[in-house]
């Protein structure tokens, strides 16, 4: 058959793209190179072709669809019947877990038809899910067809195939295919709110939280702390939920904390800034931390990126000096000391140290200095531990005569 006859029987079957949310890597819910926009459409990494020329001719070729509006790139399926059935096909493995529909548009640009001589089919695995006789497209413009794939999960091979039946009169059929894709049923997560500590102390935990309304089947989000560290979380929750993250910075500075959401297919959806964190150094020392009242203590503040400080000595007194001296009375105690630092931008950071100062007297006393045999002695004492933990004390009582000579058996009080 000459070229004019072949072109006279041209059928243009074009599969219209079903958009997925965003481009993703191979093995996700999409078709690779479904628009056939380059010359590598038959690469083994993308498509597998299968030609059955027994008793006839089957070829696949790349070209431009003419007279079909905006559809400009296609693969042509060409089959010429002989004594046996011949076919030409392209196939590719696709994850259908979150794919609801395959959709495609078909059209016919030629007037001459060979009724029931050819069939264009779509297969999922070995199951035929779509079939059309080219005669049904006779004189029609673009017509949309769909295939329901919502029942499929996991990876399946999708095949587009042109078949000619040798039982009919010998003829040539040409079909054009382009823009192959799939529609996912992924619901995008929706950002609601977020927060982060505006100032953080170097070496201490910084907290950030995100509230989102989850998509389906799961929502993920990643936090970038601005210093190269990341935190991530994936949730199967489809309602609104809040997740809190913590991070410890190891260098002073100002860091921008950002996050992006991903849907259940691993597609990145949106990026947003949570806030900035100003990381500063702040600490203090005190000496002495215990002693008999009145107890005078030297305090020293140490920090970076701190413009001013405020001391709270725990007894109602305060100071704005960097290295103040403060005197404690006896009661109440122990005392908790808190140092507040202010950055140049007006942010505050606090360093509390609980039960740091003890200004209580230490003593042991008896109610009398001498006792008669058999008389009861009363002993009172006040003892202090530097770290305010619990200790056991042992007091040994040794009897002595009026000249101070020690003798006899001793008594022990614990």
Protein backbone atom coordinates (compact mmCIF):
# COMPACT_ATOMS: atom_id res chain seq x y z
CA UNK A 1 0.00 0.00 0.00
CA UNK A 2 1.41 3.39 -0.96
CA UNK A 3 2.04 6.30 1.40
CA UNK A 4 -1.12 8.15 0.37
CA UNK A 5 -3.27 5.14 1.22
CA UNK A 6 -1.58 4.76 4.58
CA UNK A 7 -2.09 8.40 5.47
CA UNK A 8 -5.68 8.23 4.28
CA UNK A 9 -6.41 5.68 7.03
CA UNK A 10 -4.67 7.66 9.76
CA UNK A 11 -6.31 7.52 13.19
CA UNK A 12 -5.05 9.96 15.76
CA UNK A 13 -5.63 8.63 19.26
CA UNK A 14 -4.25 11.01 21.84
CA UNK A 15 -4.28 10.36 25.55
CA UNK A 16 -4.81 13.58 27.49
CA UNK A 17 -2.74 14.14 30.62
CA UNK A 18 -4.40 13.68 33.95
CA UNK A 19 -2.49 16.09 36.14
CA UNK A 20 -0.82 14.91 39.30
CA UNK A 21 -0.08 17.37 42.08
CA UNK A 22 3.59 17.94 41.31
CA UNK A 23 6.55 16.26 39.61
CA UNK A 24 8.01 13.40 41.58
CA UNK A 25 10.73 10.82 41.13
CA UNK A 26 10.40 7.53 39.29
CA UNK A 27 8.26 4.84 40.96
CA UNK A 28 5.77 7.42 42.21
CA UNK A 29 2.25 7.87 40.86
CA UNK A 30 3.05 9.26 37.43
CA UNK A 31 4.02 8.20 33.92
CA UNK A 32 7.50 9.05 32.69
CA UNK A 33 7.75 11.01 29.44
CA UNK A 34 4.05 10.69 28.74
CA UNK A 35 4.18 13.75 26.49
CA UNK A 36 6.87 12.21 24.24
CA UNK A 37 8.57 15.59 24.03
CA UNK A 38 12.04 14.24 23.30
CA UNK A 39 13.60 11.60 21.09
CA UNK A 40 14.37 9.23 23.93
CA UNK A 41 10.79 8.06 24.44
CA UNK A 42 11.70 4.41 23.87
CA UNK A 43 14.33 4.37 26.59
CA UNK A 44 14.16 1.20 28.67
CA UNK A 45 14.09 3.42 31.77
CA UNK A 46 10.73 4.84 30.66
CA UNK A 47 8.84 2.64 28.22
CA UNK A 48 8.94 -0.91 26.93
CA UNK A 49 7.89 -1.53 23.34
CA UNK A 50 6.56 -4.78 21.97
CA UNK A 51 6.10 -5.46 18.24
CA UNK A 52 4.44 -8.57 16.87
CA UNK A 53 5.16 -8.59 13.13
CA UNK A 54 4.34 -12.24 12.51
CA UNK A 55 2.47 -12.32 9.20
CA UNK A 56 2.47 -8.54 9.02
CA UNK A 57 4.32 -5.35 9.95
CA UNK A 58 4.30 -3.43 13.26
CA UNK A 59 6.37 -0.32 13.94
CA UNK A 60 6.57 2.55 16.42
CA UNK A 61 7.85 5.97 15.38
CA UNK A 62 8.14 9.46 16.87
CA UNK A 63 6.54 12.40 15.11
CA UNK A 64 4.29 15.44 15.12
CA UNK A 65 0.52 15.23 15.13
CA UNK A 66 -0.85 17.53 12.41
CA UNK A 67 -4.27 19.08 12.39
CA UNK A 68 -4.92 18.19 16.02
CA UNK A 69 -4.73 21.56 17.72
CA UNK A 70 -2.16 21.74 20.50
CA UNK A 71 -1.18 18.08 20.41
CA UNK A 72 2.17 18.23 18.69
CA UNK A 73 4.22 15.24 19.92
CA UNK A 74 3.21 11.63 19.59
CA UNK A 75 4.24 8.04 19.13
CA UNK A 76 2.75 6.48 16.01
CA UNK A 77 1.56 2.89 16.22
CA UNK A 78 1.63 1.42 12.70
CA UNK A 79 0.37 -2.08 11.90
CA UNK A 80 -0.13 -3.78 8.55
CA UNK A 81 -2.11 -7.02 8.51
CA UNK A 82 -0.99 -10.19 6.82
CA UNK A 83 -2.17 -13.67 7.56
CA UNK A 84 -1.83 -13.33 11.37
CA UNK A 85 -2.87 -10.82 14.01
CA UNK A 86 -0.22 -8.11 14.44
CA UNK A 87 0.20 -5.53 17.19
CA UNK A 88 2.35 -2.64 18.41
CA UNK A 89 2.43 -1.55 22.06
CA UNK A 90 4.12 0.61 24.68
CA UNK A 91 4.06 -0.23 28.40
CA UNK A 92 5.34 1.16 31.68
CA UNK A 93 5.06 0.19 35.36
CA UNK A 94 3.14 2.72 37.49
CA UNK A 95 2.27 2.77 41.19
CA UNK A 96 -1.54 2.91 41.25
CA UNK A 97 -1.95 3.06 45.03
CA UNK A 98 -3.19 6.64 44.95
CA UNK A 99 -4.40 6.80 41.36
CA UNK A 100 -8.15 7.03 40.80
CA UNK A 101 -8.45 7.54 37.05
CA UNK A 102 -6.69 7.23 33.73
CA UNK A 103 -8.11 9.71 31.22
CA UNK A 104 -7.44 10.18 27.53
CA UNK A 105 -8.83 11.97 24.48
CA UNK A 106 -9.29 10.24 21.13
CA UNK A 107 -9.90 11.66 17.67
CA UNK A 108 -10.03 10.62 14.01
CA UNK A 109 -8.64 12.87 11.27
CA UNK A 110 -9.36 10.66 8.26
CA UNK A 111 -12.66 9.84 6.58
CA UNK A 112 -12.02 6.27 5.43
CA UNK A 113 -12.59 3.57 8.07
CA UNK A 114 -12.15 -0.19 8.22
CA UNK A 115 -14.92 -1.20 10.60
CA UNK A 116 -13.86 -3.87 13.12
CA UNK A 117 -10.51 -4.23 11.40
CA UNK A 118 -8.53 -2.63 14.23
CA UNK A 119 -8.77 -2.21 17.98
CA UNK A 120 -6.94 0.12 20.34
CA UNK A 121 -6.85 -1.18 23.94
CA UNK A 122 -5.53 -0.24 27.35
CA UNK A 123 -4.31 -2.99 29.69
CA UNK A 124 -3.52 -2.94 33.41
CA UNK A 125 -1.35 -5.95 33.91
CA UNK A 126 -3.00 -8.62 31.78
CA UNK A 127 -6.48 -7.18 32.24
CA UNK A 128 -8.04 -5.21 29.41
CA UNK A 129 -9.66 -2.11 30.91
CA UNK A 130 -10.47 -0.14 27.76
CA UNK A 131 -11.19 -0.94 24.12
CA UNK A 132 -12.42 1.08 21.15
CA UNK A 133 -13.12 0.38 17.49
CA UNK A 134 -11.67 3.20 15.36
CA UNK A 135 -14.99 3.34 13.49
CA UNK A 136 -16.58 4.72 16.68
CA UNK A 137 -14.39 7.80 16.33
CA UNK A 138 -15.44 8.46 12.78
CA UNK A 139 -15.71 12.21 12.09
CA UNK A 140 -15.47 13.05 15.79
CA UNK A 141 -13.32 15.78 17.30
CA UNK A 142 -11.54 15.19 20.60
CA UNK A 143 -13.59 12.82 22.76
CA UNK A 144 -12.69 12.17 26.42
CA UNK A 145 -12.63 8.63 27.84
CA UNK A 146 -11.73 7.47 31.35
CA UNK A 147 -10.65 4.27 33.07
CA UNK A 148 -11.39 3.76 36.77
CA UNK A 149 -8.24 2.61 38.63
CA UNK A 150 -9.37 3.29 42.21
CA UNK A 151 -9.44 -0.42 43.07
CA UNK A 152 -5.76 -0.92 42.25
CA UNK A 153 -2.91 -0.67 44.74
CA UNK A 154 0.79 -1.16 44.26
CA UNK A 155 2.76 -1.23 41.02
CA UNK A 156 1.07 -2.37 37.80
CA UNK A 157 2.09 -2.28 34.16
CA UNK A 158 -0.07 -0.04 31.96
CA UNK A 159 -0.02 -0.95 28.27
CA UNK A 160 -1.32 0.97 25.25
CA UNK A 161 -1.76 -1.39 22.31
CA UNK A 162 -2.93 -1.32 18.68
CA UNK A 163 -4.17 -4.70 17.35
CA UNK A 164 -5.10 -5.61 13.77
CA UNK A 165 -7.12 -8.76 13.05
CA UNK A 166 -5.82 -10.83 10.12
CA UNK A 167 -9.27 -12.31 9.58
CA UNK A 168 -10.26 -9.06 7.91
CA UNK A 169 -9.05 -7.65 4.64
CA UNK A 170 -5.38 -6.62 4.68
CA UNK A 171 -4.92 -2.94 5.47
CA UNK A 172 -2.75 -0.47 7.36
CA UNK A 173 -3.74 1.40 10.51
CA UNK A 174 -1.78 4.20 12.16
CA UNK A 175 -2.56 5.45 15.70
CA UNK A 176 -0.93 8.37 17.50
CA UNK A 177 -0.43 8.40 21.30
CA UNK A 178 0.70 11.28 23.55
CA UNK A 179 0.38 12.97 26.99
CA UNK A 180 0.01 9.82 29.05
CA UNK A 181 -0.40 10.39 32.79
CA UNK A 182 -2.46 9.54 35.85
CA UNK A 183 -4.60 11.38 38.41
CA UNK A 184 -3.82 10.80 42.08
CA UNK A 185 -6.34 10.91 44.90
CA UNK A 186 -3.86 12.55 47.25
CA UNK A 187 -5.38 15.32 49.34
CA UNK A 188 -2.87 18.08 50.03
CA UNK A 189 -2.10 18.94 53.65
CA UNK A 190 -3.14 22.44 54.71
CA UNK A 191 -0.93 24.66 56.87
CA UNK A 192 -2.77 26.26 59.80
CA UNK A 193 -0.21 27.93 62.10
CA UNK A 194 3.28 27.64 63.56
CA UNK A 195 5.53 29.14 66.21
CA UNK A 196 9.14 29.05 67.37
CA UNK A 197 11.07 30.48 70.31
CA UNK A 198 12.23 33.92 69.23
CA UNK A 199 15.34 33.70 71.39
CA UNK A 200 17.25 30.67 72.61
CA UNK A 201 20.08 30.07 74.99
CA UNK A 202 23.13 28.42 73.48
CA UNK A 203 23.17 24.73 74.45
CA UNK A 204 19.55 24.72 75.61
CA UNK A 205 16.59 23.23 73.74
CA UNK A 206 14.69 25.44 71.28
CA UNK A 207 11.05 24.58 70.60
CA UNK A 208 9.00 24.95 67.40
CA UNK A 209 5.48 23.74 66.64
CA UNK A 210 3.36 23.33 63.51
CA UNK A 211 -0.40 22.89 63.19
CA UNK A 212 -1.70 21.38 59.95
CA UNK A 213 -4.82 19.72 58.62
CA UNK A 214 -3.58 16.40 57.29
CA UNK A 215 -4.14 15.14 53.79
CA UNK A 216 -4.68 11.56 52.74
CA UNK A 217 -3.39 9.06 53.33
CA UNK A 218 -0.70 10.78 55.37
CA UNK A 219 0.95 14.13 55.81
CA UNK A 220 4.62 14.83 56.33
CA UNK A 221 6.54 17.95 57.12
CA UNK A 222 10.21 18.76 57.44
CA UNK A 223 11.74 21.52 59.54
CA UNK A 224 14.97 23.27 58.60
CA UNK A 225 16.49 24.92 61.68
CA UNK A 226 18.76 27.18 59.66
CA UNK A 227 22.01 25.65 60.88
CA UNK A 228 21.97 22.59 58.63
CA UNK A 229 19.90 20.45 60.99
CA UNK A 230 16.47 19.08 60.06
CA UNK A 231 13.55 17.47 61.84
CA UNK A 232 10.84 15.45 60.14
CA UNK A 233 7.56 13.84 60.97
CA UNK A 234 4.92 11.88 59.05
CA UNK A 235 1.41 11.48 60.39
CA UNK A 236 -1.45 9.22 59.40
CA UNK A 237 -3.83 11.68 61.04
CA UNK A 238 -6.19 13.25 58.54
CA UNK A 239 -7.68 15.81 60.92
CA UNK A 240 -6.04 18.92 62.36
CA UNK A 241 -3.10 18.22 64.64
CA UNK A 242 -0.09 19.98 66.16
CA UNK A 243 3.44 18.61 66.30
CA UNK A 244 6.23 20.04 68.46
CA UNK A 245 9.94 19.76 67.68
CA UNK A 246 13.01 20.66 69.75
CA UNK A 247 16.52 21.50 68.64
CA UNK A 248 19.73 22.60 70.36
CA UNK A 249 21.93 25.15 68.61
CA UNK A 250 25.69 24.93 69.04
CA UNK A 251 26.65 28.39 67.75
CA UNK A 252 25.46 31.91 68.47
CA UNK A 253 23.65 33.77 65.72
CA UNK A 254 20.25 34.41 64.15
CA UNK A 255 18.65 31.47 62.34
CA UNK A 256 15.58 31.29 60.10
CA UNK A 257 13.40 28.23 60.74
CA UNK A 258 11.45 27.00 57.70
CA UNK A 259 9.29 24.00 56.90
CA UNK A 260 7.64 22.35 53.93
CA UNK A 261 4.70 20.00 53.71
CA UNK A 262 4.58 16.78 51.69
CA UNK A 263 1.59 14.66 50.82
CA UNK A 264 1.27 10.90 51.19
CA UNK A 265 2.90 10.30 47.81
CA UNK A 266 6.02 12.20 48.84
CA UNK A 267 5.17 15.25 46.74
CA UNK A 268 6.38 18.57 48.12
CA UNK A 269 3.44 20.93 48.47
CA UNK A 270 4.23 24.24 50.16
CA UNK A 271 7.08 25.97 51.96
CA UNK A 272 6.66 28.53 54.71
CA UNK A 273 8.78 30.38 57.26
CA UNK A 274 8.05 29.59 60.89
CA UNK A 275 10.19 32.39 62.30
CA UNK A 276 13.67 33.45 63.33
CA UNK A 277 15.61 32.38 66.41
CA UNK A 278 18.25 34.58 68.02
CA UNK A 279 20.71 32.30 69.79
CA UNK A 280 22.68 33.90 72.62
CA UNK A 281 25.03 32.78 75.40
CA UNK A 282 24.09 33.58 79.01
CA UNK A 283 25.18 32.11 82.33
CA UNK A 284 26.34 33.28 85.75
CA UNK A 285 28.36 32.24 88.77
CA UNK A 286 28.07 33.05 92.48
CA UNK A 287 30.50 32.81 95.41
CA UNK A 288 30.07 31.84 98.13
CA UNK A 289 26.73 30.04 97.87
CA UNK A 290 26.36 29.21 101.57
CA UNK A 291 27.34 30.62 104.92
CA UNK A 292 26.13 32.24 108.11
CA UNK A 293 23.99 35.35 107.71
CA UNK A 294 24.45 38.07 106.82
CA UNK A 295 25.92 36.31 103.74
CA UNK A 296 27.59 38.53 101.09
CA UNK A 297 27.74 36.94 97.62
CA UNK A 298 29.61 38.06 94.51
CA UNK A 299 27.66 37.41 91.28
CA UNK A 300 29.19 37.43 87.78
CA UNK A 301 27.28 37.32 84.47
CA UNK A 302 28.78 35.87 81.29
CA UNK A 303 27.23 36.05 77.83
CA UNK A 304 27.36 37.05 74.19
CA UNK A 305 24.85 39.10 72.17
CA UNK A 306 23.42 40.39 75.48
CA UNK A 307 22.83 44.15 75.72
CA UNK A 308 21.72 44.35 79.40
CA UNK A 309 20.83 42.14 82.36
CA UNK A 310 18.46 42.05 85.31
CA UNK A 311 19.21 40.06 88.46
CA UNK A 312 16.52 38.66 90.74
CA UNK A 313 18.28 37.49 93.91
CA UNK A 314 15.25 35.59 95.21
CA UNK A 315 14.77 37.69 98.36
CA UNK A 316 12.94 40.56 96.65
CA UNK A 317 16.09 42.47 95.71
CA UNK A 318 17.19 43.10 92.10
CA UNK A 319 20.13 44.62 90.24
CA UNK A 320 20.97 45.70 86.69
CA UNK A 321 24.74 45.54 87.20
CA UNK A 322 26.68 42.93 85.29
CA UNK A 323 28.63 41.72 88.33
CA UNK A 324 26.72 42.78 91.46
CA UNK A 325 27.39 42.05 95.13
CA UNK A 326 24.40 41.15 97.29
CA UNK A 327 23.98 40.42 101.00
CA UNK A 328 21.41 37.87 102.22
CA UNK A 329 19.63 37.75 105.56
CA UNK A 330 18.85 34.50 107.32
CA UNK A 331 15.22 33.90 106.34
CA UNK A 332 13.66 32.64 104.16
CA UNK A 333 16.12 30.35 102.44
CA UNK A 334 17.36 28.69 100.31
CA UNK A 335 17.15 31.36 97.60
CA UNK A 336 16.57 30.88 93.84
CA UNK A 337 18.51 33.34 91.71
CA UNK A 338 17.36 34.27 88.17
CA UNK A 339 19.39 36.19 85.60
CA UNK A 340 17.46 37.78 82.72
CA UNK A 341 19.33 38.89 79.62
CA UNK A 342 18.06 41.38 77.03
CA UNK A 343 19.28 41.35 73.42
CA UNK A 344 19.75 44.48 71.32
CA UNK A 345 16.46 43.63 69.55
CA UNK A 346 14.58 43.58 72.88
CA UNK A 347 14.24 39.81 73.23
CA UNK A 348 14.69 38.22 76.66
CA UNK A 349 16.28 35.02 77.91
CA UNK A 350 16.29 33.77 81.50
CA UNK A 351 18.69 31.57 83.44
CA UNK A 352 17.21 30.44 86.78
CA UNK A 353 19.21 28.46 89.36
CA UNK A 354 17.02 27.00 92.04
CA UNK A 355 18.04 26.90 95.72
CA UNK A 356 21.42 28.41 94.88
CA UNK A 357 22.05 30.45 98.04
CA UNK A 358 21.76 29.30 101.67
CA UNK A 359 22.26 32.00 104.33
CA UNK A 360 21.35 30.01 107.44
CA UNK A 361 23.44 29.84 110.62
CA UNK A 362 25.09 26.58 111.68
CA UNK A 363 25.25 25.74 115.36
CA UNK A 364 25.04 23.05 118.05
CA UNK A 365 23.89 24.08 121.55
CA UNK A 366 22.96 22.52 124.89
CA UNK A 367 20.46 23.87 127.37
CA UNK A 368 23.13 23.80 130.14
CA UNK A 369 26.87 23.47 130.43
CA UNK A 370 26.96 20.90 133.31
CA UNK A 371 24.62 18.09 134.28
CA UNK A 372 24.17 15.86 137.28
CA UNK A 373 24.17 12.10 136.94
CA UNK A 374 20.77 10.97 135.64
CA UNK A 375 19.75 14.47 134.54
CA UNK A 376 18.27 14.94 131.01
CA UNK A 377 20.23 17.14 128.62
CA UNK A 378 18.58 19.02 125.74
CA UNK A 379 20.56 19.41 122.51
CA UNK A 380 19.58 21.58 119.50
CA UNK A 381 21.43 22.11 116.22
CA UNK A 382 21.19 23.67 112.75
CA UNK A 383 23.42 22.18 110.03
CA UNK A 384 23.53 23.09 106.33
CA UNK A 385 24.61 21.10 103.26
CA UNK A 386 26.08 23.08 100.34
CA UNK A 387 23.90 21.28 97.75
CA UNK A 388 20.81 21.15 100.00
CA UNK A 389 20.58 17.38 99.79
CA UNK A 390 19.77 15.17 102.77
CA UNK A 391 22.61 13.96 104.95
CA UNK A 392 22.87 12.02 108.21
CA UNK A 393 24.87 13.52 111.09
CA UNK A 394 26.34 11.69 114.07
CA UNK A 395 27.04 13.48 117.37
CA UNK A 396 29.09 11.61 119.97
CA UNK A 397 28.69 12.59 123.65
CA UNK A 398 31.65 11.83 125.92
CA UNK A 399 31.25 12.30 129.74
CA UNK A 400 33.92 14.20 131.71
CA UNK A 401 34.52 15.07 135.37
CA UNK A 402 34.76 18.56 136.88
CA UNK A 403 38.42 18.73 135.98
CA UNK A 404 37.66 18.03 132.29
CA UNK A 405 38.94 14.48 132.30
CA UNK A 406 37.04 12.42 129.72
CA UNK A 407 36.05 8.93 130.75
CA UNK A 408 33.27 6.45 130.88
CA UNK A 409 31.02 5.23 128.06
CA UNK A 410 29.94 7.54 125.26
CA UNK A 411 26.50 8.23 123.79
CA UNK A 412 25.75 8.65 120.07
CA UNK A 413 22.96 10.76 118.55
CA UNK A 414 22.23 10.36 114.82
